[in-house]
Amino acid sequence: MGTQDRRARERAERRDRVVEAARDLAERDGWSAVTTRRLADEIEYTPPVLYQHF
């Protein structure tokens, strides 16, 4: 696999991690609890990193 393939795979994995964390947070505390800051805290990212993905 080349570098582009690896980067694409890693980006997809990060995206999946964010989506899964959002779903878990919504299940646990309701959709109103899903904010950028709270989601970032859940997955130990900063809010700007989330903006890069979505």
C-alpha atoms as a PDB file:
ATOM      1  CA  MET A   1       0.000   0.000   0.000  1.00  0.00           C
ATOM      2  CA  GLY A   2       1.155   3.466  -0.802  1.00  0.00           C
ATOM      3  CA  THR A   3       1.137   6.547   1.326  1.00  0.00           C
ATOM      4  CA  GLN A   4      -2.082   7.837  -0.244  1.00  0.00           C
ATOM      5  CA  ASP A   5      -3.885   4.596   0.549  1.00  0.00           C
ATOM      6  CA  ARG A   6      -2.675   4.646   4.138  1.00  0.00           C
ATOM      7  CA  ARG A   7      -3.702   8.270   4.641  1.00  0.00           C
ATOM      8  CA  ALA A   8      -7.135   7.622   3.157  1.00  0.00           C
ATOM      9  CA  ARG A   9      -7.600   4.617   5.421  1.00  0.00           C
ATOM     10  CA  GLU A  10      -6.484   6.557   8.508  1.00  0.00           C
ATOM     11  CA  ARG A  11      -8.805   9.436   7.630  1.00  0.00           C
ATOM     12  CA  ALA A  12     -11.732   7.025   7.248  1.00  0.00           C
ATOM     13  CA  GLU A  13     -10.887   5.420  10.602  1.00  0.00           C
ATOM     14  CA  ARG A  14     -10.828   8.822  12.319  1.00  0.00           C
ATOM     15  CA  ARG A  15     -14.152   9.725  10.728  1.00  0.00           C
ATOM     16  CA  ASP A  16     -15.682   6.441  11.900  1.00  0.00           C
ATOM     17  CA  ARG A  17     -14.375   7.087  15.416  1.00  0.00           C
ATOM     18  CA  VAL A  18     -16.024  10.526  15.467  1.00  0.00           C
ATOM     19  CA  VAL A  19     -19.350   9.201  14.172  1.00  0.00           C
ATOM     20  CA  GLU A  20     -19.344   6.328  16.660  1.00  0.00           C
ATOM     21  CA  ALA A  21     -18.568   8.676  19.553  1.00  0.00           C
ATOM     22  CA  ALA A  22     -21.400  11.003  18.490  1.00  0.00           C
ATOM     23  CA  ARG A  23     -23.839   8.105  18.401  1.00  0.00           C
ATOM     24  CA  ASP A  24     -22.700   6.857  21.804  1.00  0.00           C
ATOM     25  CA  LEU A  25     -22.998  10.328  23.297  1.00  0.00           C
ATOM     26  CA  ALA A  26     -26.479  10.784  21.815  1.00  0.00           C
ATOM     27  CA  GLU A  27     -27.605   7.398  23.119  1.00  0.00           C
ATOM     28  CA  ARG A  28     -26.306   8.155  26.569  1.00  0.00           C
ATOM     29  CA  ASP A  29     -27.301  11.823  26.964  1.00  0.00           C
ATOM     30  CA  GLY A  30     -29.567  12.712  24.018  1.00  0.00           C
ATOM     31  CA  TRP A  31     -28.822  14.558  20.786  1.00  0.00           C
ATOM     32  CA  SER A  32     -28.865  17.935  22.519  1.00  0.00           C
ATOM     33  CA  ALA A  33     -25.714  16.837  24.342  1.00  0.00           C
ATOM     34  CA  VAL A  34     -23.794  16.294  21.104  1.00  0.00           C
ATOM     35  CA  THR A  35     -21.794  19.484  20.736  1.00  0.00           C
ATOM     36  CA  THR A  36     -18.497  19.964  18.973  1.00  0.00           C
ATOM     37  CA  ARG A  37     -16.664  20.635  22.218  1.00  0.00           C
ATOM     38  CA  ARG A  38     -18.207  17.709  24.080  1.00  0.00           C
ATOM     39  CA  LEU A  39     -17.602  15.354  21.171  1.00  0.00           C
ATOM     40  CA  ALA A  40     -13.991  16.498  20.929  1.00  0.00           C
ATOM     41  CA  ASP A  41     -13.564  15.875  24.659  1.00  0.00           C
ATOM     42  CA  GLU A  42     -15.034  12.374  24.304  1.00  0.00           C
ATOM     43  CA  ILE A  43     -12.519  11.334  21.654  1.00  0.00           C
ATOM     44  CA  GLU A  44      -9.623  13.396  23.004  1.00  0.00           C
ATOM     45  CA  TYR A  45      -9.366  15.638  19.941  1.00  0.00           C
ATOM     46  CA  THR A  46      -9.609  19.393  19.713  1.00  0.00           C
ATOM     47  CA  PRO A  47     -12.656  21.020  18.085  1.00  0.00           C
ATOM     48  CA  PRO A  48     -10.585  22.242  15.083  1.00  0.00           C
ATOM     49  CA  VAL A  49      -9.642  18.630  14.296  1.00  0.00           C
ATOM     50  CA  LEU A  50     -13.346  17.794  14.055  1.00  0.00           C
ATOM     51  CA  TYR A  51     -13.879  20.683  11.657  1.00  0.00           C
ATOM     52  CA  GLN A  52     -11.132  19.285   9.424  1.00  0.00           C
ATOM     53  CA  HIS A  53     -13.073  16.063   9.003  1.00  0.00           C
ATOM     54  CA  PHE A  54     -16.568  17.419   8.500  1.00  0.00           C
END
